[in-house]
Amino acid sequence: MDVTAWALVPVVALLIVATMTVLIVGMAMKGTTSRDRATVLRAVADVLRAVHGRRR
């Protein structure tokens, strides 16, 4: 592979993960009431922290 491919693969992978995250959050928020949205967003933030490797 050439240098361009080595640079584009991580960028494309990050773009795919970000798009999937937005779609999943959108689907989760669609079926919730307003009082449950904070819980859903907190759970998504916990998952993202776990994937990224940070803790509170």
C-alpha atoms as a PDB file:
ATOM      1  CA  MET A   1       0.000   0.000   0.000  1.00  0.00           C
ATOM      2  CA  ASP A   2       1.147   3.488  -0.637  1.00  0.00           C
ATOM      3  CA  VAL A   3       1.358   6.380   1.825  1.00  0.00           C
ATOM      4  CA  THR A   4      -2.048   7.764   0.855  1.00  0.00           C
ATOM      5  CA  ALA A   5      -3.758   4.509   1.745  1.00  0.00           C
ATOM      6  CA  TRP A   6      -1.984   4.382   5.117  1.00  0.00           C
ATOM      7  CA  ALA A   7      -3.276   7.870   5.872  1.00  0.00           C
ATOM      8  CA  LEU A   8      -6.823   7.300   4.625  1.00  0.00           C
ATOM      9  CA  VAL A   9      -7.577   3.995   6.368  1.00  0.00           C
ATOM     10  CA  PRO A  10      -7.654   5.422   9.934  1.00  0.00           C
ATOM     11  CA  VAL A  11      -9.602   8.477   8.791  1.00  0.00           C
ATOM     12  CA  VAL A  12     -12.233   6.374   7.040  1.00  0.00           C
ATOM     13  CA  ALA A  13     -12.460   4.012  10.018  1.00  0.00           C
ATOM     14  CA  LEU A  14     -13.007   6.942  12.381  1.00  0.00           C
ATOM     15  CA  LEU A  15     -15.657   8.370  10.071  1.00  0.00           C
ATOM     16  CA  ILE A  16     -17.494   5.035   9.978  1.00  0.00           C
ATOM     17  CA  VAL A  17     -17.412   4.681  13.775  1.00  0.00           C
ATOM     18  CA  ALA A  18     -18.634   8.254  14.264  1.00  0.00           C
ATOM     19  CA  THR A  19     -21.481   7.757  11.800  1.00  0.00           C
ATOM     20  CA  MET A  20     -22.520   4.507  13.460  1.00  0.00           C
ATOM     21  CA  THR A  21     -22.486   6.197  16.863  1.00  0.00           C
ATOM     22  CA  VAL A  22     -24.736   9.003  15.671  1.00  0.00           C
ATOM     23  CA  LEU A  23     -27.165   6.545  14.099  1.00  0.00           C
ATOM     24  CA  ILE A  24     -27.309   4.348  17.210  1.00  0.00           C
ATOM     25  CA  VAL A  25     -27.909   7.335  19.486  1.00  0.00           C
ATOM     26  CA  GLY A  26     -30.598   8.601  17.125  1.00  0.00           C
ATOM     27  CA  MET A  27     -32.382   5.255  17.177  1.00  0.00           C
ATOM     28  CA  ALA A  28     -32.115   5.030  20.961  1.00  0.00           C
ATOM     29  CA  MET A  29     -33.456   8.549  21.454  1.00  0.00           C
ATOM     30  CA  LYS A  30     -36.346   8.011  19.059  1.00  0.00           C
ATOM     31  CA  GLY A  31     -38.092   5.504  21.296  1.00  0.00           C
ATOM     32  CA  THR A  32     -37.590   7.220  24.652  1.00  0.00           C
ATOM     33  CA  THR A  33     -39.580   9.692  26.657  1.00  0.00           C
ATOM     34  CA  SER A  34     -38.062  12.985  27.673  1.00  0.00           C
ATOM     35  CA  ARG A  35     -37.337  11.813  31.232  1.00  0.00           C
ATOM     36  CA  ASP A  36     -35.358   8.791  29.984  1.00  0.00           C
ATOM     37  CA  ARG A  37     -33.162  10.653  27.496  1.00  0.00           C
ATOM     38  CA  ALA A  38     -30.572  11.628  30.103  1.00  0.00           C
ATOM     39  CA  THR A  39     -30.202   7.978  31.086  1.00  0.00           C
ATOM     40  CA  VAL A  40     -29.741   6.931  27.463  1.00  0.00           C
ATOM     41  CA  LEU A  41     -27.153   9.645  26.835  1.00  0.00           C
ATOM     42  CA  ARG A  42     -25.296   8.744  30.044  1.00  0.00           C
ATOM     43  CA  ALA A  43     -25.197   5.068  28.985  1.00  0.00           C
ATOM     44  CA  VAL A  44     -23.875   5.993  25.541  1.00  0.00           C
ATOM     45  CA  ALA A  45     -21.213   8.198  27.147  1.00  0.00           C
ATOM     46  CA  ASP A  46     -20.184   5.311  29.423  1.00  0.00           C
ATOM     47  CA  VAL A  47     -19.832   2.991  26.434  1.00  0.00           C
ATOM     48  CA  LEU A  48     -17.764   5.548  24.543  1.00  0.00           C
ATOM     49  CA  ARG A  49     -15.505   6.057  27.579  1.00  0.00           C
ATOM     50  CA  ALA A  50     -15.061   2.291  27.898  1.00  0.00           C
ATOM     51  CA  VAL A  51     -14.144   1.950  24.241  1.00  0.00           C
ATOM     52  CA  HIS A  52     -11.797   4.907  24.440  1.00  0.00           C
ATOM     53  CA  GLY A  53     -10.251   3.637  27.656  1.00  0.00           C
ATOM     54  CA  ARG A  54     -11.099   6.423  30.114  1.00  0.00           C
ATOM     55  CA  ARG A  55     -12.962   6.186  33.366  1.00  0.00           C
ATOM     56  CA  ARG A  56     -14.653   8.807  35.489  1.00  0.00           C
END
